[in-house]
Amino acid sequence: MNSDTLKGDWKKFKGKVKEQWGKLTDDELERLEGRGDQLAGAIQKRYGIAKEEAERQVKEFEKRCSSCDDSTVERSVP
Protein backbone atom coordinates (compact mmCIF):
# COMPACT_ATOMS: atom_id res chain seq x y z
CA MET A 1 0.00 0.00 0.00
CA ASN A 2 1.55 3.27 -1.04
CA SER A 3 1.22 6.69 0.55
CA ASP A 4 -1.22 7.98 -2.10
CA THR A 5 -3.51 5.00 -1.60
CA LEU A 6 -3.34 5.44 2.14
CA LYS A 7 -4.29 9.12 1.92
CA GLY A 8 -7.12 8.42 -0.50
CA ASP A 9 -8.61 5.65 1.60
CA TRP A 10 -7.74 7.05 5.02
CA LYS A 11 -11.25 6.84 6.51
CA LYS A 12 -11.58 3.18 5.60
CA PHE A 13 -7.98 2.41 6.51
CA LYS A 14 -8.31 4.30 9.82
CA GLY A 15 -11.04 1.89 10.92
CA LYS A 16 -8.81 -1.08 10.16
CA VAL A 17 -5.93 0.52 12.07
CA LYS A 18 -8.22 1.12 15.05
CA GLU A 19 -9.27 -2.55 14.96
CA GLN A 20 -5.63 -3.65 14.88
CA TRP A 21 -4.17 -1.17 17.38
CA GLY A 22 -7.06 -0.27 19.66
CA LYS A 23 -4.89 1.71 22.05
CA LEU A 24 -4.39 4.43 19.44
CA THR A 25 -6.75 7.30 20.15
CA ASP A 26 -9.04 8.93 17.64
CA ASP A 27 -7.02 12.14 18.04
CA GLU A 28 -3.80 10.30 17.17
CA LEU A 29 -5.41 8.79 14.10
CA GLU A 30 -6.77 12.17 13.01
CA ARG A 31 -3.31 13.72 13.34
CA LEU A 32 -1.85 10.99 11.14
CA GLU A 33 -4.33 11.80 8.34
CA GLY A 34 -2.98 9.19 5.98
CA ARG A 35 0.70 9.64 6.75
CA GLY A 36 1.65 6.01 6.98
CA ASP A 37 5.25 6.85 7.72
CA GLN A 38 4.13 8.25 11.07
CA LEU A 39 1.88 5.31 11.96
CA ALA A 40 4.77 3.18 13.21
CA GLY A 41 5.90 6.04 15.45
CA ALA A 42 2.45 6.37 16.97
CA ILE A 43 2.28 2.61 17.56
CA GLN A 44 5.77 2.61 19.07
CA LYS A 45 4.85 5.37 21.49
CA ARG A 46 1.42 4.04 22.49
CA TYR A 47 2.48 0.41 22.92
CA GLY A 48 5.99 1.06 24.27
CA ILE A 49 7.71 -1.13 21.71
CA ALA A 50 10.91 -0.76 19.70
CA LYS A 51 10.85 1.23 16.46
CA GLU A 52 11.83 -1.82 14.44
CA GLU A 53 9.00 -3.87 15.95
CA ALA A 54 6.44 -1.16 15.23
CA GLU A 55 7.66 -0.90 11.64
CA ARG A 56 7.50 -4.68 11.27
CA GLN A 57 3.92 -4.72 12.54
CA VAL A 58 2.89 -1.96 10.13
CA LYS A 59 4.48 -3.75 7.17
CA GLU A 60 2.77 -7.00 8.12
CA PHE A 61 -0.54 -5.18 8.51
CA GLU A 62 -0.16 -3.50 5.12
CA LYS A 63 0.43 -6.88 3.48
CA ARG A 64 -2.78 -8.26 4.99
CA CYS A 65 -4.73 -5.11 4.23
CA SER A 66 -3.38 -4.36 0.77
CA SER A 67 -6.80 -3.38 -0.52
CA CYS A 68 -8.64 -2.80 2.78
CA ASP A 69 -11.80 -3.86 0.97
CA ASP A 70 -12.05 -7.02 3.00
CA SER A 71 -13.94 -6.52 6.24
CA THR A 72 -11.84 -9.11 8.03
CA VAL A 73 -8.26 -8.33 8.97
CA GLU A 74 -6.65 -10.78 11.35
CA ARG A 75 -5.43 -9.26 14.57
CA SER A 76 -1.90 -10.14 15.56
CA VAL A 77 -1.21 -7.40 18.09
CA PRO A 78 -2.51 -7.44 21.66
PDB file of N, CA and C in Angstrom:
ATOM      1  N   MET A   1       0.853  -1.164   0.000  1.00  0.00           N
ATOM      2  CA  MET A   1       0.000   0.000   0.000  1.00  0.00           C
ATOM      3  C   MET A   1       0.897   1.224   0.000  1.00  0.00           C
ATOM      4  N   ASN A   2       0.696   2.092  -0.975  1.00  0.00           N
ATOM      5  CA  ASN A   2       1.549   3.266  -1.037  1.00  0.00           C
ATOM      6  C   ASN A   2       0.906   4.454  -0.335  1.00  0.00           C
ATOM      7  N   SER A   3       1.670   5.515  -0.190  1.00  0.00           N
ATOM      8  CA  SER A   3       1.221   6.685   0.551  1.00  0.00           C
ATOM      9  C   SER A   3      -0.004   7.332  -0.078  1.00  0.00           C
ATOM     10  N   ASP A   4      -0.075   7.389  -1.421  1.00  0.00           N
ATOM     11  CA  ASP A   4      -1.223   7.983  -2.095  1.00  0.00           C
ATOM     12  C   ASP A   4      -2.492   7.177  -1.834  1.00  0.00           C
ATOM     13  N   THR A   5      -2.367   5.858  -1.886  1.00  0.00           N
ATOM     14  CA  THR A   5      -3.512   5.000  -1.601  1.00  0.00           C
ATOM     15  C   THR A   5      -3.967   5.195  -0.171  1.00  0.00           C
ATOM     16  N   LEU A   6      -3.026   5.259   0.732  1.00  0.00           N
ATOM     17  CA  LEU A   6      -3.344   5.439   2.142  1.00  0.00           C
ATOM     18  C   LEU A   6      -4.088   6.746   2.363  1.00  0.00           C
ATOM     19  N   LYS A   7      -3.619   7.833   1.770  1.00  0.00           N
ATOM     20  CA  LYS A   7      -4.288   9.123   1.923  1.00  0.00           C
ATOM     21  C   LYS A   7      -5.683   9.094   1.325  1.00  0.00           C
ATOM     22  N   GLY A   8      -5.829   8.467   0.163  1.00  0.00           N
ATOM     23  CA  GLY A   8      -7.116   8.420  -0.504  1.00  0.00           C
ATOM     24  C   GLY A   8      -8.151   7.588   0.236  1.00  0.00           C
ATOM     25  N   ASP A   9      -7.712   6.553   0.895  1.00  0.00           N
ATOM     26  CA  ASP A   9      -8.615   5.647   1.599  1.00  0.00           C
ATOM     27  C   ASP A   9      -8.479   5.767   3.111  1.00  0.00           C
ATOM     28  N   TRP A  10      -8.059   6.916   3.600  1.00  0.00           N
ATOM     29  CA  TRP A  10      -7.736   7.046   5.016  1.00  0.00           C
ATOM     30  C   TRP A  10      -8.895   6.694   5.928  1.00  0.00           C
ATOM     31  N   LYS A  11     -10.117   7.129   5.608  1.00  0.00           N
ATOM     32  CA  LYS A  11     -11.247   6.845   6.507  1.00  0.00           C
ATOM     33  C   LYS A  11     -11.467   5.342   6.650  1.00  0.00           C
ATOM     34  N   LYS A  12     -11.405   4.632   5.549  1.00  0.00           N
ATOM     35  CA  LYS A  12     -11.582   3.182   5.596  1.00  0.00           C
ATOM     36  C   LYS A  12     -10.386   2.533   6.283  1.00  0.00           C
ATOM     37  N   PHE A  13      -9.195   2.967   5.930  1.00  0.00           N
ATOM     38  CA  PHE A  13      -7.978   2.406   6.512  1.00  0.00           C
ATOM     39  C   PHE A  13      -7.905   2.700   8.005  1.00  0.00           C
ATOM     40  N   LYS A  14      -8.335   3.892   8.409  1.00  0.00           N
ATOM     41  CA  LYS A  14      -8.307   4.295   9.819  1.00  0.00           C
ATOM     42  C   LYS A  14      -9.103   3.317  10.680  1.00  0.00           C
ATOM     43  N   GLY A  15     -10.239   2.870  10.180  1.00  0.00           N
ATOM     44  CA  GLY A  15     -11.040   1.893  10.922  1.00  0.00           C
ATOM     45  C   GLY A  15     -10.298   0.583  11.110  1.00  0.00           C
ATOM     46  N   LYS A  16      -9.597   0.153  10.075  1.00  0.00           N
ATOM     47  CA  LYS A  16      -8.811  -1.084  10.162  1.00  0.00           C
ATOM     48  C   LYS A  16      -7.656  -0.922  11.145  1.00  0.00           C
ATOM     49  N   VAL A  17      -7.021   0.242  11.130  1.00  0.00           N
ATOM     50  CA  VAL A  17      -5.929   0.518  12.070  1.00  0.00           C
ATOM     51  C   VAL A  17      -6.460   0.490  13.498  1.00  0.00           C
ATOM     52  N   LYS A  18      -7.619   1.089  13.715  1.00  0.00           N
ATOM     53  CA  LYS A  18      -8.221   1.118  15.053  1.00  0.00           C
ATOM     54  C   LYS A  18      -8.557  -0.302  15.525  1.00  0.00           C
ATOM     55  N   GLU A  19      -9.006  -1.154  14.601  1.00  0.00           N
ATOM     56  CA  GLU A  19      -9.269  -2.548  14.960  1.00  0.00           C
ATOM     57  C   GLU A  19      -7.981  -3.251  15.370  1.00  0.00           C
ATOM     58  N   GLN A  20      -6.910  -2.987  14.639  1.00  0.00           N
ATOM     59  CA  GLN A  20      -5.627  -3.655  14.879  1.00  0.00           C
ATOM     60  C   GLN A  20      -4.932  -3.128  16.129  1.00  0.00           C
ATOM     61  N   TRP A  21      -4.882  -1.815  16.266  1.00  0.00           N
ATOM     62  CA  TRP A  21      -4.175  -1.169  17.376  1.00  0.00           C
ATOM     63  C   TRP A  21      -5.152  -0.301  18.149  1.00  0.00           C
ATOM     64  N   GLY A  22      -5.986  -0.949  18.938  1.00  0.00           N
ATOM     65  CA  GLY A  22      -7.063  -0.274  19.663  1.00  0.00           C
ATOM     66  C   GLY A  22      -6.626   0.756  20.679  1.00  0.00           C
ATOM     67  N   LYS A  23      -5.364   0.717  21.083  1.00  0.00           N
ATOM     68  CA  LYS A  23      -4.888   1.706  22.053  1.00  0.00           C
ATOM     69  C   LYS A  23      -4.653   3.081  21.425  1.00  0.00           C
ATOM     70  N   LEU A  24      -4.568   3.131  20.099  1.00  0.00           N
ATOM     71  CA  LEU A  24      -4.393   4.428  19.441  1.00  0.00           C
ATOM     72  C   LEU A  24      -5.685   5.221  19.579  1.00  0.00           C
ATOM     73  N   THR A  25      -5.568   6.466  19.955  1.00  0.00           N
ATOM     74  CA  THR A  25      -6.751   7.295  20.155  1.00  0.00           C
ATOM     75  C   THR A  25      -7.243   7.859  18.825  1.00  0.00           C
ATOM     76  N   ASP A  26      -8.490   8.294  18.823  1.00  0.00           N
ATOM     77  CA  ASP A  26      -9.043   8.928  17.635  1.00  0.00           C
ATOM     78  C   ASP A  26      -8.255  10.185  17.280  1.00  0.00           C
ATOM     79  N   ASP A  27      -7.821  10.929  18.290  1.00  0.00           N
ATOM     80  CA  ASP A  27      -7.021  12.136  18.044  1.00  0.00           C
ATOM     81  C   ASP A  27      -5.705  11.786  17.353  1.00  0.00           C
ATOM     82  N   GLU A  28      -5.054  10.721  17.804  1.00  0.00           N
ATOM     83  CA  GLU A  28      -3.803  10.301  17.169  1.00  0.00           C
ATOM     84  C   GLU A  28      -4.042   9.934  15.709  1.00  0.00           C
ATOM     85  N   LEU A  29      -5.106   9.209  15.468  1.00  0.00           N
ATOM     86  CA  LEU A  29      -5.415   8.792  14.102  1.00  0.00           C
ATOM     87  C   LEU A  29      -5.762   9.990  13.223  1.00  0.00           C
ATOM     88  N   GLU A  30      -6.455  10.961  13.774  1.00  0.00           N
ATOM     89  CA  GLU A  30      -6.774  12.170  13.011  1.00  0.00           C
ATOM     90  C   GLU A  30      -5.504  12.947  12.665  1.00  0.00           C
ATOM     91  N   ARG A  31      -4.565  13.014  13.602  1.00  0.00           N
ATOM     92  CA  ARG A  31      -3.305  13.722  13.337  1.00  0.00           C
ATOM     93  C   ARG A  31      -2.484  13.031  12.248  1.00  0.00           C
ATOM     94  N   LEU A  32      -2.592  11.725  12.166  1.00  0.00           N
ATOM     95  CA  LEU A  32      -1.848  10.993  11.140  1.00  0.00           C
ATOM     96  C   LEU A  32      -2.366  11.307   9.744  1.00  0.00           C
ATOM     97  N   GLU A  33      -3.674  11.454   9.597  1.00  0.00           N
ATOM     98  CA  GLU A  33      -4.332  11.805   8.340  1.00  0.00           C
ATOM     99  C   GLU A  33      -3.699  11.177   7.113  1.00  0.00           C
ATOM    100  N   GLY A  34      -3.486   9.890   7.146  1.00  0.00           N
ATOM    101  CA  GLY A  34      -2.984   9.194   5.975  1.00  0.00           C
ATOM    102  C   GLY A  34      -1.478   9.154   5.845  1.00  0.00           C
ATOM    103  N   ARG A  35      -0.766   9.681   6.809  1.00  0.00           N
ATOM    104  CA  ARG A  35       0.699   9.635   6.751  1.00  0.00           C
ATOM    105  C   ARG A  35       1.173   8.331   7.367  1.00  0.00           C
ATOM    106  N   GLY A  36       1.272   7.336   6.520  1.00  0.00           N
ATOM    107  CA  GLY A  36       1.646   6.007   6.983  1.00  0.00           C
ATOM    108  C   GLY A  36       3.029   5.944   7.590  1.00  0.00           C
ATOM    109  N   ASP A  37       3.903   6.841   7.169  1.00  0.00           N
ATOM    110  CA  ASP A  37       5.250   6.846   7.720  1.00  0.00           C
ATOM    111  C   ASP A  37       5.254   7.205   9.199  1.00  0.00           C
ATOM    112  N   GLN A  38       4.206   7.869   9.661  1.00  0.00           N
ATOM    113  CA  GLN A  38       4.128   8.251  11.070  1.00  0.00           C
ATOM    114  C   GLN A  38       3.334   7.250  11.912  1.00  0.00           C
ATOM    115  N   LEU A  39       2.669   6.313  11.247  1.00  0.00           N
ATOM    116  CA  LEU A  39       1.877   5.314  11.961  1.00  0.00           C
ATOM    117  C   LEU A  39       2.747   4.467  12.876  1.00  0.00           C
ATOM    118  N   ALA A  40       3.887   4.007  12.385  1.00  0.00           N
ATOM    119  CA  ALA A  40       4.774   3.179  13.211  1.00  0.00           C
ATOM    120  C   ALA A  40       5.230   3.941  14.451  1.00  0.00           C
ATOM    121  N   GLY A  41       5.496   5.225  14.300  1.00  0.00           N
ATOM    122  CA  GLY A  41       5.899   6.038  15.451  1.00  0.00           C
ATOM    123  C   GLY A  41       4.804   6.134  16.493  1.00  0.00           C
ATOM    124  N   ALA A  42       3.572   6.293  16.045  1.00  0.00           N
ATOM    125  CA  ALA A  42       2.446   6.367  16.975  1.00  0.00           C
ATOM    126  C   ALA A  42       2.253   5.038  17.700  1.00  0.00           C
ATOM    127  N   ILE A  43       2.408   3.943  16.962  1.00  0.00           N
ATOM    128  CA  ILE A  43       2.281   2.609  17.561  1.00  0.00           C
ATOM    129  C   ILE A  43       3.404   2.377  18.565  1.00  0.00           C
ATOM    130  N   GLN A  44       4.607   2.762  18.189  1.00  0.00           N
ATOM    131  CA  GLN A  44       5.766   2.611  19.070  1.00  0.00           C
ATOM    132  C   GLN A  44       5.524   3.345  20.392  1.00  0.00           C
ATOM    133  N   LYS A  45       5.070   4.559  20.296  1.00  0.00           N
ATOM    134  CA  LYS A  45       4.851   5.374  21.494  1.00  0.00           C
ATOM    135  C   LYS A  45       3.723   4.812  22.355  1.00  0.00           C
ATOM    136  N   ARG A  46       2.595   4.488  21.742  1.00  0.00           N
ATOM    137  CA  ARG A  46       1.417   4.040  22.492  1.00  0.00           C
ATOM    138  C   ARG A  46       1.619   2.669  23.125  1.00  0.00           C
ATOM    139  N   TYR A  47       2.314   1.777  22.425  1.00  0.00           N
ATOM    140  CA  TYR A  47       2.485   0.410  22.918  1.00  0.00           C
ATOM    141  C   TYR A  47       3.822   0.187  23.621  1.00  0.00           C
ATOM    142  N   GLY A  48       4.704   1.188  23.595  1.00  0.00           N
ATOM    143  CA  GLY A  48       5.987   1.057  24.272  1.00  0.00           C
ATOM    144  C   GLY A  48       6.864  -0.034  23.688  1.00  0.00           C
ATOM    145  N   ILE A  49       6.899  -0.113  22.365  1.00  0.00           N
ATOM    146  CA  ILE A  49       7.707  -1.132  21.709  1.00  0.00           C
ATOM    147  C   ILE A  49       8.823  -0.466  20.899  1.00  0.00           C
ATOM    148  N   ALA A  50       9.785  -1.262  20.481  1.00  0.00           N
ATOM    149  CA  ALA A  50      10.912  -0.756  19.704  1.00  0.00           C
ATOM    150  C   ALA A  50      10.437  -0.281  18.326  1.00  0.00           C
ATOM    151  N   LYS A  51      11.158   0.674  17.775  1.00  0.00           N
ATOM    152  CA  LYS A  51      10.845   1.230  16.461  1.00  0.00           C
ATOM    153  C   LYS A  51      10.778   0.133  15.403  1.00  0.00           C
ATOM    154  N   GLU A  52      11.763  -0.743  15.426  1.00  0.00           N
ATOM    155  CA  GLU A  52      11.825  -1.821  14.441  1.00  0.00           C
ATOM    156  C   GLU A  52      10.607  -2.734  14.534  1.00  0.00           C
ATOM    157  N   GLU A  53      10.166  -3.024  15.753  1.00  0.00           N
ATOM    158  CA  GLU A  53       8.997  -3.874  15.950  1.00  0.00           C
ATOM    159  C   GLU A  53       7.740  -3.178  15.436  1.00  0.00           C
ATOM    160  N   ALA A  54       7.600  -1.908  15.721  1.00  0.00           N
ATOM    161  CA  ALA A  54       6.440  -1.157  15.234  1.00  0.00           C
ATOM    162  C   ALA A  54       6.417  -1.131  13.710  1.00  0.00           C
ATOM    163  N   GLU A  55       7.570  -0.911  13.103  1.00  0.00           N
ATOM    164  CA  GLU A  55       7.660  -0.895  11.644  1.00  0.00           C
ATOM    165  C   GLU A  55       7.334  -2.277  11.060  1.00  0.00           C
ATOM    166  N   ARG A  56       7.782  -3.320  11.726  1.00  0.00           N
ATOM    167  CA  ARG A  56       7.496  -4.683  11.272  1.00  0.00           C
ATOM    168  C   ARG A  56       5.988  -4.940  11.314  1.00  0.00           C
ATOM    169  N   GLN A  57       5.353  -4.525  12.402  1.00  0.00           N
ATOM    170  CA  GLN A  57       3.918  -4.724  12.541  1.00  0.00           C
ATOM    171  C   GLN A  57       3.142  -3.977  11.454  1.00  0.00           C
ATOM    172  N   VAL A  58       3.566  -2.747  11.161  1.00  0.00           N
ATOM    173  CA  VAL A  58       2.887  -1.957  10.133  1.00  0.00           C
ATOM    174  C   VAL A  58       3.050  -2.617   8.761  1.00  0.00           C
ATOM    175  N   LYS A  59       4.252  -3.074   8.455  1.00  0.00           N
ATOM    176  CA  LYS A  59       4.483  -3.747   7.168  1.00  0.00           C
ATOM    177  C   LYS A  59       3.641  -5.006   7.050  1.00  0.00           C
ATOM    178  N   GLU A  60       3.577  -5.786   8.118  1.00  0.00           N
ATOM    179  CA  GLU A  60       2.775  -7.003   8.119  1.00  0.00           C
ATOM    180  C   GLU A  60       1.291  -6.655   7.933  1.00  0.00           C
ATOM    181  N   PHE A  61       0.842  -5.636   8.619  1.00  0.00           N
ATOM    182  CA  PHE A  61      -0.544  -5.185   8.508  1.00  0.00           C
ATOM    183  C   PHE A  61      -0.855  -4.738   7.078  1.00  0.00           C
ATOM    184  N   GLU A  62       0.053  -3.973   6.482  1.00  0.00           N
ATOM    185  CA  GLU A  62      -0.155  -3.496   5.116  1.00  0.00           C
ATOM    186  C   GLU A  62      -0.263  -4.653   4.131  1.00  0.00           C
ATOM    187  N   LYS A  63       0.514  -5.708   4.354  1.00  0.00           N
ATOM    188  CA  LYS A  63       0.431  -6.883   3.483  1.00  0.00           C
ATOM    189  C   LYS A  63      -0.951  -7.526   3.571  1.00  0.00           C
ATOM    190  N   ARG A  64      -1.470  -7.641   4.789  1.00  0.00           N
ATOM    191  CA  ARG A  64      -2.783  -8.258   4.988  1.00  0.00           C
ATOM    192  C   ARG A  64      -3.909  -7.358   4.516  1.00  0.00           C
ATOM    193  N   CYS A  65      -3.679  -6.076   4.545  1.00  0.00           N
ATOM    194  CA  CYS A  65      -4.729  -5.109   4.232  1.00  0.00           C
ATOM    195  C   CYS A  65      -4.383  -4.355   2.953  1.00  0.00           C
ATOM    196  N   SER A  66      -3.850  -5.037   1.982  1.00  0.00           N
ATOM    197  CA  SER A  66      -3.378  -4.363   0.773  1.00  0.00           C
ATOM    198  C   SER A  66      -4.486  -3.623   0.049  1.00  0.00           C
ATOM    199  N   SER A  67      -5.706  -4.102   0.124  1.00  0.00           N
ATOM    200  CA  SER A  67      -6.804  -3.380  -0.519  1.00  0.00           C
ATOM    201  C   SER A  67      -7.742  -2.754   0.502  1.00  0.00           C
ATOM    202  N   CYS A  68      -7.747  -3.259   1.707  1.00  0.00           N
ATOM    203  CA  CYS A  68      -8.640  -2.798   2.778  1.00  0.00           C
ATOM    204  C   CYS A  68     -10.106  -2.881   2.374  1.00  0.00           C
ATOM    205  N   ASP A  69     -10.410  -3.662   1.343  1.00  0.00           N
ATOM    206  CA  ASP A  69     -11.798  -3.864   0.972  1.00  0.00           C
ATOM    207  C   ASP A  69     -12.418  -4.993   1.770  1.00  0.00           C
ATOM    208  N   ASP A  70     -11.582  -5.887   2.224  1.00  0.00           N
ATOM    209  CA  ASP A  70     -12.052  -7.022   3.004  1.00  0.00           C
ATOM    210  C   ASP A  70     -12.395  -6.557   4.406  1.00  0.00           C
ATOM    211  N   SER A  71     -13.520  -6.961   4.916  1.00  0.00           N
ATOM    212  CA  SER A  71     -13.938  -6.516   6.244  1.00  0.00           C
ATOM    213  C   SER A  71     -13.263  -7.288   7.357  1.00  0.00           C
ATOM    214  N   THR A  72     -12.510  -8.322   7.001  1.00  0.00           N
ATOM    215  CA  THR A  72     -11.836  -9.106   8.032  1.00  0.00           C
ATOM    216  C   THR A  72     -10.332  -8.982   7.883  1.00  0.00           C
ATOM    217  N   VAL A  73      -9.715  -8.414   8.894  1.00  0.00           N
ATOM    218  CA  VAL A  73      -8.260  -8.328   8.965  1.00  0.00           C
ATOM    219  C   VAL A  73      -7.869  -8.997  10.261  1.00  0.00           C
ATOM    220  N   GLU A  74      -7.065 -10.041  10.152  1.00  0.00           N
ATOM    221  CA  GLU A  74      -6.649 -10.783  11.353  1.00  0.00           C
ATOM    222  C   GLU A  74      -5.857  -9.913  12.283  1.00  0.00           C
ATOM    223  N   ARG A  75      -6.176  -9.998  13.558  1.00  0.00           N
ATOM    224  CA  ARG A  75      -5.435  -9.260  14.571  1.00  0.00           C
ATOM    225  C   ARG A  75      -4.230 -10.089  14.994  1.00  0.00           C
ATOM    226  N   SER A  76      -3.082  -9.433  15.073  1.00  0.00           N
ATOM    227  CA  SER A  76      -1.899 -10.144  15.555  1.00  0.00           C
ATOM    228  C   SER A  76      -1.201  -9.363  16.654  1.00  0.00           C
ATOM    229  N   VAL A  77      -1.802  -8.270  17.071  1.00  0.00           N
ATOM    230  CA  VAL A  77      -1.208  -7.405  18.088  1.00  0.00           C
ATOM    231  C   VAL A  77      -2.148  -7.374  19.277  1.00  0.00           C
ATOM    232  N   PRO A  78      -1.633  -7.467  20.484  1.00  0.00           N
ATOM    233  CA  PRO A  78      -2.507  -7.444  21.657  1.00  0.00           C
ATOM    234  C   PRO A  78      -3.224  -6.124  21.818  1.00  0.00           C
TER     235      PRO A  78
END
